[in-house]
């Protein structure tokens, strides 16, 4: 049974809702009494989830690399439920890459989905949120965006760009009455992190990450860490001088030929 959260029910638009953190966060938001527009690329998967909570879920397929699909979905949301209170831009892609497999195409793919997908999401709600003088834009970035990590150059660069984007836009959005925030997860067990062949310290399940995020969404902090402990470890690494930092990251390298 849904339980109303302090502050009342809200309308969330969760883009990237079909698996991993997004699917678990959908469950959390519905359980807290909110209505949620769920979006991803595949309509059938969204329909299957929405069938369990048809009064609280509105399934709309989008492709974040195509702005026109987001705008079309936005117009459907407004027609059905009105302008959302919050959009969570959670769509993302990941592929590890070492120097021997350096691939400009992979950089382009991840930037197109992770970074430019977020830019398209912001553009979709920017004018109506500013015109209303209220709204919330939440970007799912990553602690991998704090500093460069071995084997994560394409992914980390895209997430660093997302954090920088939110920081740069925050003052103007604040002045317009619109909040922009970032979620910076650590290691969360998903089909994407299953690609990693290295130990992932502090890895948590998507349900745990979603519970942390849902609780933090009630507040107003610019950054949401999930989990907070590992997030603070990464913040410490961000403060290290380069000479020390590169000693640490060299230890992360695999032996040649492995």
Protein backbone atom coordinates (compact mmCIF):
# COMPACT_ATOMS: atom_id res chain seq x y z
CA UNK A 1 0.00 0.00 0.00
CA UNK A 2 1.29 3.46 -0.87
CA UNK A 3 2.12 5.70 2.07
CA UNK A 4 1.88 9.46 1.63
CA UNK A 5 5.19 11.22 2.20
CA UNK A 6 5.57 14.47 4.16
CA UNK A 7 4.83 17.33 1.78
CA UNK A 8 2.22 15.34 -0.12
CA UNK A 9 2.16 13.37 -3.34
CA UNK A 10 4.28 14.56 -6.25
CA UNK A 11 4.52 13.76 -9.94
CA UNK A 12 7.93 12.41 -10.87
CA UNK A 13 9.13 11.73 -14.41
CA UNK A 14 11.78 9.04 -14.18
CA UNK A 15 13.76 8.63 -17.40
CA UNK A 16 15.75 5.40 -17.35
CA UNK A 17 13.23 3.43 -15.31
CA UNK A 18 13.31 -0.04 -16.82
CA UNK A 19 16.13 -1.68 -14.85
CA UNK A 20 18.71 -1.24 -12.12
CA UNK A 21 18.46 1.85 -9.94
CA UNK A 22 15.63 3.26 -12.06
CA UNK A 23 13.38 0.24 -11.63
CA UNK A 24 14.07 0.10 -7.90
CA UNK A 25 13.49 3.84 -7.52
CA UNK A 26 10.15 3.48 -9.30
CA UNK A 27 9.09 1.03 -6.60
CA UNK A 28 10.28 3.38 -3.86
CA UNK A 29 8.44 6.41 -5.22
CA UNK A 30 5.19 4.51 -5.74
CA UNK A 31 5.42 3.09 -2.20
CA UNK A 32 5.78 6.65 -0.91
CA UNK A 33 2.51 7.70 -2.52
CA UNK A 34 3.78 9.49 -5.62
CA UNK A 35 2.70 9.22 -9.24
CA UNK A 36 5.53 8.36 -11.60
CA UNK A 37 5.92 8.69 -15.36
CA UNK A 38 8.32 5.90 -16.28
CA UNK A 39 10.36 6.20 -19.45
CA UNK A 40 12.97 4.12 -21.23
CA UNK A 41 13.45 2.93 -24.79
CA UNK A 42 11.27 -0.19 -24.72
CA UNK A 43 7.53 0.36 -24.28
CA UNK A 44 6.71 -3.30 -23.60
CA UNK A 45 8.91 -3.43 -20.50
CA UNK A 46 7.39 -0.19 -19.21
CA UNK A 47 3.86 -1.46 -19.83
CA UNK A 48 4.61 -4.62 -17.89
CA UNK A 49 5.72 -2.62 -14.84
CA UNK A 50 2.88 -0.11 -15.12
CA UNK A 51 0.29 -2.92 -15.12
CA UNK A 52 1.10 -3.54 -11.43
CA UNK A 53 0.25 0.06 -10.43
CA UNK A 54 -1.89 1.49 -13.24
CA UNK A 55 -3.21 4.41 -11.17
CA UNK A 56 0.25 5.62 -10.20
CA UNK A 57 2.40 4.79 -13.22
CA UNK A 58 2.30 6.27 -16.73
CA UNK A 59 4.58 4.38 -19.17
CA UNK A 60 6.02 6.43 -22.05
CA UNK A 61 8.91 5.23 -24.22
CA UNK A 62 11.63 7.77 -25.11
CA UNK A 63 15.12 7.79 -26.58
CA UNK A 64 17.22 10.37 -24.73
CA UNK A 65 19.45 10.81 -27.76
CA UNK A 66 16.44 12.15 -29.69
CA UNK A 67 15.05 15.36 -28.22
CA UNK A 68 11.80 15.10 -30.17
CA UNK A 69 10.84 11.87 -28.35
CA UNK A 70 11.26 13.57 -24.97
CA UNK A 71 9.22 16.58 -26.05
CA UNK A 72 6.44 14.34 -27.39
CA UNK A 73 6.38 12.43 -24.10
CA UNK A 74 6.36 15.67 -22.10
CA UNK A 75 3.29 16.85 -23.98
CA UNK A 76 1.53 13.54 -23.25
CA UNK A 77 2.38 13.85 -19.56
CA UNK A 78 1.00 17.38 -19.42
CA UNK A 79 -2.17 16.26 -21.18
CA UNK A 80 -2.70 13.30 -18.82
CA UNK A 81 -1.40 14.48 -15.45
CA UNK A 82 -0.11 18.04 -15.84
CA UNK A 83 3.48 19.28 -15.71
CA UNK A 84 5.63 17.06 -13.46
CA UNK A 85 7.08 18.38 -10.22
CA UNK A 86 10.39 16.64 -10.84
CA UNK A 87 12.28 14.96 -13.67
CA UNK A 88 14.97 12.41 -12.83
CA UNK A 89 17.35 11.87 -15.74
CA UNK A 90 18.67 8.41 -14.96
CA UNK A 91 19.28 6.93 -18.43
CA UNK A 92 22.86 5.81 -18.78
CA UNK A 93 25.35 3.58 -20.56
CA UNK A 94 28.67 2.09 -19.49
CA UNK A 95 31.50 0.08 -20.96
CA UNK A 96 34.96 -0.36 -19.42
CA UNK A 97 37.87 0.48 -21.71
CA UNK A 98 41.60 0.00 -21.34
CA UNK A 99 44.30 1.73 -23.34
CA UNK A 100 44.76 -1.24 -25.66
CA UNK A 101 41.07 -1.00 -26.60
CA UNK A 102 40.96 2.78 -26.97
CA UNK A 103 37.86 3.54 -29.05
CA UNK A 104 36.69 7.05 -30.01
CA UNK A 105 33.33 5.53 -30.95
CA UNK A 106 32.79 4.40 -27.36
CA UNK A 107 33.48 7.92 -26.09
CA UNK A 108 30.91 9.25 -28.57
CA UNK A 109 28.29 6.65 -27.59
CA UNK A 110 28.58 7.26 -23.85
CA UNK A 111 28.67 11.04 -24.22
CA UNK A 112 25.61 10.90 -26.46
CA UNK A 113 23.58 8.87 -23.94
CA UNK A 114 24.92 10.02 -20.57
CA UNK A 115 25.75 13.68 -21.16
CA UNK A 116 23.80 14.82 -24.20
CA UNK A 117 20.85 12.72 -23.04
CA UNK A 118 20.84 14.79 -19.85
CA UNK A 119 21.11 17.99 -21.89
CA UNK A 120 18.07 16.90 -23.92
CA UNK A 121 16.17 16.14 -20.72
CA UNK A 122 16.93 19.57 -19.31
CA UNK A 123 15.82 21.24 -22.51
CA UNK A 124 12.55 19.29 -22.42
CA UNK A 125 11.44 20.86 -19.13
CA UNK A 126 13.48 24.08 -19.00
CA UNK A 127 10.93 26.51 -20.40
CA UNK A 128 7.81 25.15 -18.66
CA UNK A 129 9.61 24.83 -15.30
CA UNK A 130 11.01 28.37 -15.54
CA UNK A 131 7.65 29.74 -16.67
CA UNK A 132 5.99 28.12 -13.63
CA UNK A 133 8.78 29.28 -11.33
CA UNK A 134 9.07 25.83 -9.78
CA UNK A 135 10.35 22.35 -10.60
CA UNK A 136 13.20 19.99 -9.96
CA UNK A 137 15.75 18.48 -12.35
CA UNK A 138 17.82 15.58 -11.02
CA UNK A 139 20.77 14.14 -12.97
CA UNK A 140 22.16 10.69 -12.20
CA UNK A 141 25.91 11.17 -12.53
CA UNK A 142 28.47 9.10 -10.58
CA UNK A 143 31.35 9.36 -8.13
CA UNK A 144 33.40 8.19 -11.15
CA UNK A 145 33.00 11.77 -12.35
CA UNK A 146 35.08 13.14 -9.45
CA UNK A 147 38.48 12.11 -10.84
CA UNK A 148 39.82 9.97 -13.66
CA UNK A 149 39.92 6.26 -12.89
CA UNK A 150 41.71 3.51 -14.86
CA UNK A 151 39.53 1.67 -17.41
CA UNK A 152 36.72 4.22 -17.02
CA UNK A 153 37.82 7.08 -19.28
CA UNK A 154 34.70 7.23 -21.51
CA UNK A 155 32.24 6.73 -18.65
CA UNK A 156 34.01 8.96 -16.14
CA UNK A 157 34.38 11.78 -18.66
CA UNK A 158 30.65 11.72 -19.41
CA UNK A 159 29.76 11.76 -15.70
CA UNK A 160 32.25 14.53 -14.92
CA UNK A 161 30.57 16.55 -17.67
CA UNK A 162 27.16 15.96 -16.06
CA UNK A 163 28.35 17.17 -12.65
CA UNK A 164 29.94 20.25 -14.21
CA UNK A 165 26.74 20.91 -16.19
CA UNK A 166 24.59 20.88 -13.05
CA UNK A 167 27.04 23.08 -11.15
CA UNK A 168 27.14 25.61 -13.99
CA UNK A 169 23.35 25.80 -14.35
CA UNK A 170 22.52 25.80 -10.64
CA UNK A 171 22.72 29.59 -9.98
CA UNK A 172 20.42 30.58 -12.85
CA UNK A 173 17.95 27.81 -12.17
CA UNK A 174 17.91 28.77 -8.48
CA UNK A 175 17.09 32.34 -9.39
CA UNK A 176 14.20 31.06 -11.55
CA UNK A 177 12.82 28.93 -8.68
CA UNK A 178 13.92 25.62 -10.25
CA UNK A 179 16.17 23.16 -8.41
CA UNK A 180 18.86 21.20 -10.23
CA UNK A 181 20.55 18.38 -8.33
CA UNK A 182 22.86 15.42 -8.94
CA UNK A 183 22.76 11.83 -7.73
CA UNK A 184 26.27 10.39 -7.46
CA UNK A 185 26.05 6.62 -6.92
CA UNK A 186 29.01 4.50 -6.01
CA UNK A 187 29.17 0.87 -7.07
CA UNK A 188 25.64 -0.54 -7.43
CA UNK A 189 24.99 -4.07 -8.64
CA UNK A 190 23.39 -3.72 -12.09
CA UNK A 191 23.80 -5.26 -15.54
CA UNK A 192 26.26 -2.44 -16.27
CA UNK A 193 28.56 -2.93 -13.27
CA UNK A 194 28.44 -6.69 -13.93
CA UNK A 195 30.79 -5.88 -16.83
CA UNK A 196 33.57 -4.97 -14.41
CA UNK A 197 36.34 -7.48 -13.79
CA UNK A 198 37.77 -5.77 -10.71
CA UNK A 199 36.76 -5.65 -7.05
CA UNK A 200 34.10 -3.02 -6.41
CA UNK A 201 34.42 -1.77 -2.81
CA UNK A 202 31.21 -0.89 -1.05
CA UNK A 203 28.97 -2.27 -3.80
CA UNK A 204 25.29 -2.23 -2.83
CA UNK A 205 22.10 -3.60 -4.32
CA UNK A 206 19.89 -1.32 -6.46
CA UNK A 207 17.08 -1.54 -3.89
CA UNK A 208 19.38 -0.14 -1.20
CA UNK A 209 20.58 2.65 -3.49
CA UNK A 210 17.00 3.51 -4.44
CA UNK A 211 15.92 3.72 -0.80
CA UNK A 212 18.79 6.11 -0.04
CA UNK A 213 17.93 8.24 -3.06
CA UNK A 214 14.19 8.33 -2.32
CA UNK A 215 14.84 9.54 1.22
CA UNK A 216 17.28 12.19 0.02
CA UNK A 217 14.88 13.49 -2.64
CA UNK A 218 12.69 14.80 0.17
CA UNK A 219 15.49 17.20 1.12
CA UNK A 220 17.11 20.02 -0.80
CA UNK A 221 20.79 19.07 -0.96
CA UNK A 222 22.46 19.62 -4.32
CA UNK A 223 24.23 16.25 -4.20
CA UNK A 224 22.81 12.87 -3.27
CA UNK A 225 25.33 10.11 -2.51
CA UNK A 226 24.36 6.44 -2.64
CA UNK A 227 26.00 5.08 -0.58
CA UNK A 228 27.36 8.01 1.40
CA UNK A 229 30.34 6.14 2.91
CA UNK A 230 31.98 5.21 -0.37
CA UNK A 231 31.03 8.59 -1.79
CA UNK A 232 33.05 10.31 0.93
CA UNK A 233 36.03 8.03 0.23
CA UNK A 234 35.92 9.23 -3.38
CA UNK A 235 35.68 12.83 -2.19
CA UNK A 236 38.90 12.33 -0.24
CA UNK A 237 40.60 10.96 -3.37
CA UNK A 238 39.46 14.09 -5.20
CA UNK A 239 41.48 16.20 -2.75
CA UNK A 240 44.76 14.30 -3.13
CA UNK A 241 47.66 15.99 -4.95
CA UNK A 242 48.35 14.45 -8.36
CA UNK A 243 51.62 12.81 -7.26
CA UNK A 244 49.82 10.84 -4.54
CA UNK A 245 46.66 10.25 -6.57
CA UNK A 246 48.54 8.65 -9.47
CA UNK A 247 50.36 6.35 -7.06
CA UNK A 248 46.95 5.16 -5.89
CA UNK A 249 45.50 4.68 -9.37
CA UNK A 250 48.60 2.84 -10.66
CA UNK A 251 47.81 0.16 -8.10
CA UNK A 252 44.44 -0.33 -9.80
CA UNK A 253 46.04 -1.49 -13.06
CA UNK A 254 45.79 -5.10 -14.11
CA UNK A 255 48.97 -7.00 -14.90
CA UNK A 256 49.81 -6.93 -18.65
CA UNK A 257 48.24 -9.83 -20.48
CA UNK A 258 45.53 -10.41 -17.85
